[in-house]
C-alpha atoms as a PDB file:
ATOM      1  CA  MET A   1     -13.467   8.030  -5.362  1.00  0.00           C
ATOM      2  CA  PRO A   2     -11.150   8.306  -2.312  1.00  0.00           C
ATOM      3  CA  ASP A   3      -7.602   9.123  -2.896  1.00  0.00           C
ATOM      4  CA  GLY A   4      -6.682   5.464  -1.765  1.00  0.00           C
ATOM      5  CA  PHE A   5      -6.111   4.173   1.634  1.00  0.00           C
ATOM      6  CA  THR A   6      -2.818   4.457   3.782  1.00  0.00           C
ATOM      7  CA  VAL A   7      -1.999   1.910   6.429  1.00  0.00           C
ATOM      8  CA  LEU A   8       0.455   3.010   9.203  1.00  0.00           C
ATOM      9  CA  PRO A   9       1.810   0.860  12.134  1.00  0.00           C
ATOM     10  CA  ALA A  10      -0.269   1.873  15.162  1.00  0.00           C
ATOM     11  CA  SER A  11       2.847   2.597  17.155  1.00  0.00           C
ATOM     12  CA  THR A  12       3.650   5.463  14.718  1.00  0.00           C
ATOM     13  CA  VAL A  13       0.324   7.173  15.461  1.00  0.00           C
ATOM     14  CA  SER A  14       0.342   9.670  18.207  1.00  0.00           C
ATOM     15  CA  GLU A  15      -2.845  11.454  17.816  1.00  0.00           C
ATOM     16  CA  LEU A  16      -6.062  10.924  15.515  1.00  0.00           C
ATOM     17  CA  LEU A  17      -8.062  14.012  14.827  1.00  0.00           C
ATOM     18  CA  VAL A  18     -11.345  14.432  13.150  1.00  0.00           C
ATOM     19  CA  ASN A  19     -11.387  17.406  11.043  1.00  0.00           C
ATOM     20  CA  GLU A  20     -15.050  18.666  11.212  1.00  0.00           C
ATOM     21  CA  ARG A  21     -14.273  21.523   8.852  1.00  0.00           C
ATOM     22  CA  TRP A  22     -12.947  19.184   6.162  1.00  0.00           C
ATOM     23  CA  SER A  23     -15.944  16.964   6.671  1.00  0.00           C
ATOM     24  CA  GLU A  24     -18.240  19.947   6.266  1.00  0.00           C
ATOM     25  CA  MET A  25     -16.452  21.151   2.984  1.00  0.00           C
ATOM     26  CA  LEU A  26     -16.809  17.580   1.666  1.00  0.00           C
ATOM     27  CA  ALA A  27     -20.448  17.595   2.405  1.00  0.00           C
ATOM     28  CA  LYS A  28     -21.035  20.960   0.724  1.00  0.00           C
ATOM     29  CA  GLU A  29     -19.260  19.661  -2.283  1.00  0.00           C
ATOM     30  CA  GLY A  30     -21.579  16.622  -2.495  1.00  0.00           C
ATOM     31  CA  HIS A  31     -18.872  14.239  -1.410  1.00  0.00           C
ATOM     32  CA  SER A  32     -20.057  13.430   2.229  1.00  0.00           C
ATOM     33  CA  ASP A  33     -20.392   9.679   1.387  1.00  0.00           C
ATOM     34  CA  LEU A  34     -16.705   9.367   1.073  1.00  0.00           C
ATOM     35  CA  ALA A  35     -16.329   9.757   4.804  1.00  0.00           C
ATOM     36  CA  ALA A  36     -18.007   6.369   5.074  1.00  0.00           C
ATOM     37  CA  VAL A  37     -15.845   4.517   2.358  1.00  0.00           C
ATOM     38  CA  GLY A  38     -13.758   2.079   3.965  1.00  0.00           C
ATOM     39  CA  PRO A  39     -10.842  -0.071   2.697  1.00  0.00           C
ATOM     40  CA  PRO A  40     -11.567  -3.386   0.949  1.00  0.00           C
ATOM     41  CA  PHE A  41      -9.530  -5.254   3.545  1.00  0.00           C
ATOM     42  CA  THR A  42      -9.440  -5.598   7.285  1.00  0.00           C
ATOM     43  CA  PRO A  43      -6.906  -3.164   8.720  1.00  0.00           C
ATOM     44  CA  ASP A  44      -6.513  -4.877  12.080  1.00  0.00           C
ATOM     45  CA  THR A  45      -2.933  -6.005  11.636  1.00  0.00           C
ATOM     46  CA  LEU A  46      -0.103  -5.515   9.081  1.00  0.00           C
ATOM     47  CA  ARG A  47      -0.424  -9.290   8.215  1.00  0.00           C
ATOM     48  CA  SER A  48      -4.229  -8.958   7.436  1.00  0.00           C
ATOM     49  CA  VAL A  49      -3.414  -6.069   5.045  1.00  0.00           C
ATOM     50  CA  LEU A  50      -0.447  -7.893   3.340  1.00  0.00           C
ATOM     51  CA  SER A  51      -2.413 -11.014   3.141  1.00  0.00           C
ATOM     52  CA  TYR A  52      -5.103  -9.282   1.392  1.00  0.00           C
ATOM     53  CA  LEU A  53      -2.878  -7.696  -1.052  1.00  0.00           C
ATOM     54  CA  HIS A  54      -1.239 -11.104  -1.719  1.00  0.00           C
ATOM     55  CA  VAL A  55      -4.526 -13.023  -2.332  1.00  0.00           C
ATOM     56  CA  SER A  56      -6.217 -10.341  -4.339  1.00  0.00           C
ATOM     57  CA  ARG A  57      -3.051  -9.520  -6.415  1.00  0.00           C
ATOM     58  CA  THR A  58      -3.504  -5.892  -5.761  1.00  0.00           C
ATOM     59  CA  ASN A  59      -0.562  -3.618  -6.503  1.00  0.00           C
ATOM     60  CA  ALA A  60       0.607  -1.238  -3.636  1.00  0.00           C
ATOM     61  CA  LYS A  61       3.141   1.257  -2.470  1.00  0.00           C
ATOM     62  CA  ILE A  62       5.249  -0.109   0.510  1.00  0.00           C
ATOM     63  CA  GLU A  63       7.506   2.235   2.274  1.00  0.00           C
ATOM     64  CA  CYS A  64      10.334   1.260   4.606  1.00  0.00           C
ATOM     65  CA  GLU A  65      11.762   4.602   5.640  1.00  0.00           C
ATOM     66  CA  ALA A  66      13.066   3.549   8.935  1.00  0.00           C
ATOM     67  CA  THR A  67      15.707   1.068   7.697  1.00  0.00           C
ATOM     68  CA  PRO A  68      19.291   1.622   7.413  1.00  0.00           C
ATOM     69  CA  ASN A  69      19.303   1.535   3.551  1.00  0.00           C
ATOM     70  CA  ALA A  70      16.114   3.465   3.248  1.00  0.00           C
ATOM     71  CA  ALA A  71      17.773   5.679   0.378  1.00  0.00           C
ATOM     72  CA  GLU A  72      18.106   2.722  -1.752  1.00  0.00           C
ATOM     73  CA  HIS A  73      15.229   0.318  -0.523  1.00  0.00           C
ATOM     74  CA  GLY A  74      12.823   2.555   1.215  1.00  0.00           C
ATOM     75  CA  PHE A  75      10.119   2.692  -1.487  1.00  0.00           C
ATOM     76  CA  HIS A  76       8.462  -0.007  -3.414  1.00  0.00           C
ATOM     77  CA  LEU A  77       5.806  -0.215  -6.063  1.00  0.00           C
ATOM     78  CA  GLY A  78       4.557  -3.668  -6.861  1.00  0.00           C
ATOM     79  CA  ARG A  79       2.810  -6.815  -5.619  1.00  0.00           C
ATOM     80  CA  VAL A  80       3.240  -9.160  -2.614  1.00  0.00           C
ATOM     81  CA  ALA A  81       4.578 -12.411  -4.163  1.00  0.00           C
ATOM     82  CA  ALA A  82       4.527 -14.596  -1.077  1.00  0.00           C
ATOM     83  CA  MET A  83       3.760 -14.190   2.638  1.00  0.00           C
ATOM     84  CA  HIS A  84       6.187 -15.596   5.244  1.00  0.00           C
ATOM     85  CA  ASP A  85       6.342 -15.609   9.240  1.00  0.00           C
ATOM     86  CA  ASP A  86       8.248 -12.219   9.467  1.00  0.00           C
ATOM     87  CA  HIS A  87       8.510 -10.909   5.939  1.00  0.00           C
ATOM     88  CA  ILE A  88       6.991 -10.738   2.501  1.00  0.00           C
ATOM     89  CA  ASP A  89       8.491 -11.457  -0.836  1.00  0.00           C
ATOM     90  CA  PHE A  90       7.700  -8.416  -2.986  1.00  0.00           C
ATOM     91  CA  THR A  91       8.018  -8.097  -6.713  1.00  0.00           C
ATOM     92  CA  PHE A  92       8.352  -4.451  -7.702  1.00  0.00           C
ATOM     93  CA  PHE A  93       8.269  -2.440 -10.839  1.00  0.00           C
ATOM     94  CA  ASP A  94      10.096   0.641 -11.985  1.00  0.00           C
ATOM     95  CA  ALA A  95       8.900   4.156 -13.285  1.00  0.00           C
ATOM     96  CA  ALA A  96       9.045   2.745 -16.911  1.00  0.00           C
ATOM     97  CA  GLY A  97       6.485   0.221 -16.001  1.00  0.00           C
ATOM     98  CA  LYS A  98       8.949  -2.750 -16.168  1.00  0.00           C
ATOM     99  CA  TRP A  99       8.614  -5.530 -13.549  1.00  0.00           C
ATOM    100  CA  PHE A 100      11.992  -6.451 -11.924  1.00  0.00           C
ATOM    101  CA  ASP A 101      12.900 -10.135 -12.467  1.00  0.00           C
ATOM    102  CA  GLY A 102      13.301 -11.363  -8.956  1.00  0.00           C
ATOM    103  CA  VAL A 103      11.598 -10.901  -5.624  1.00  0.00           C
ATOM    104  CA  TYR A 104      12.700  -8.711  -2.719  1.00  0.00           C
ATOM    105  CA  GLY A 105      12.216  -9.679   0.844  1.00  0.00           C
ATOM    106  CA  ILE A 106      10.808  -6.917   3.143  1.00  0.00           C
ATOM    107  CA  SER A 107      10.483  -7.613   6.864  1.00  0.00           C
ATOM    108  CA  PHE A 108       7.214  -6.740   8.476  1.00  0.00           C
ATOM    109  CA  ALA A 109       9.227  -4.668  11.157  1.00  0.00           C
ATOM    110  CA  SER A 110      10.735  -2.329   8.379  1.00  0.00           C
ATOM    111  CA  ILE A 111       7.386  -1.464   6.887  1.00  0.00           C
ATOM    112  CA  THR A 112       6.303   2.290   7.746  1.00  0.00           C
ATOM    113  CA  GLN A 113       3.476   2.661   5.222  1.00  0.00           C
ATOM    114  CA  ILE A 114       1.325   0.870   2.648  1.00  0.00           C
ATOM    115  CA  VAL A 115      -0.673   2.847   0.219  1.00  0.00           C
ATOM    116  CA  VAL A 116      -3.310   1.075  -1.771  1.00  0.00           C
ATOM    117  CA  GLY A 117      -5.597   2.240  -4.487  1.00  0.00           C
ATOM    118  CA  SER A 118      -4.117   5.794  -4.768  1.00  0.00           C
ATOM    119  CA  PRO A 119      -4.022   7.458  -8.168  1.00  0.00           C
ATOM    120  CA  TYR A 120      -0.231   7.122  -7.957  1.00  0.00           C
ATOM    121  CA  VAL A 121      -0.354   3.437  -7.505  1.00  0.00           C
ATOM    122  CA  GLU A 122      -3.201   2.842  -9.928  1.00  0.00           C
ATOM    123  CA  THR A 123      -1.767   4.981 -12.744  1.00  0.00           C
ATOM    124  CA  PHE A 124       1.581   3.127 -12.763  1.00  0.00           C
ATOM    125  CA  SER A 125      -0.361  -0.204 -12.470  1.00  0.00           C
ATOM    126  CA  LYS A 126      -2.312   0.432 -15.736  1.00  0.00           C
ATOM    127  CA  TYR A 127       0.825   0.650 -17.813  1.00  0.00           C
ATOM    128  CA  ILE A 128       2.900  -2.266 -16.489  1.00  0.00           C
ATOM    129  CA  GLY A 129       3.063  -5.419 -18.457  1.00  0.00           C
ATOM    130  CA  PRO A 130       1.675  -8.786 -17.135  1.00  0.00           C
ATOM    131  CA  TYR A 131       2.794  -9.994 -13.661  1.00  0.00           C
ATOM    132  CA  PRO A 132       5.876 -12.199 -14.075  1.00  0.00           C
ATOM    133  CA  HIS A 133       5.071 -14.651 -11.279  1.00  0.00           C
ATOM    134  CA  ASP A 134       1.538 -15.891 -12.089  1.00  0.00           C
ATOM    135  CA  ASP A 135       1.971 -18.824  -9.797  1.00  0.00           C
ATOM    136  CA  GLY A 136       2.134 -16.385  -6.630  1.00  0.00           C
END
């Protein structure tokens, strides 16, 4: 399995390199098929990724490192509870596997990274209780 998928705003990417040596090593280890594995969502826009997460009820890590309060609110593990024009409502859980009671608004503009399907996200997701907002 790949190590999940990371979504970045295109404006933050200055260069994209294909590492031929890395591809060669994967092939020699019998994992060349991993290079062809794509995400289960369309990564065309931030909205399309967030919409997929919302509809599929998929847990993710969302980072907002470029905000003034990034030290407190820069890192979230949880689920998209609702979609809006310029932000999402997000329910997050803590390292002890406890869902927070309410939802937290995250503006699209503040999102610097979304991680889906990584061992980090998936391990925490296995040990949390039922999602507290089954209607959303």
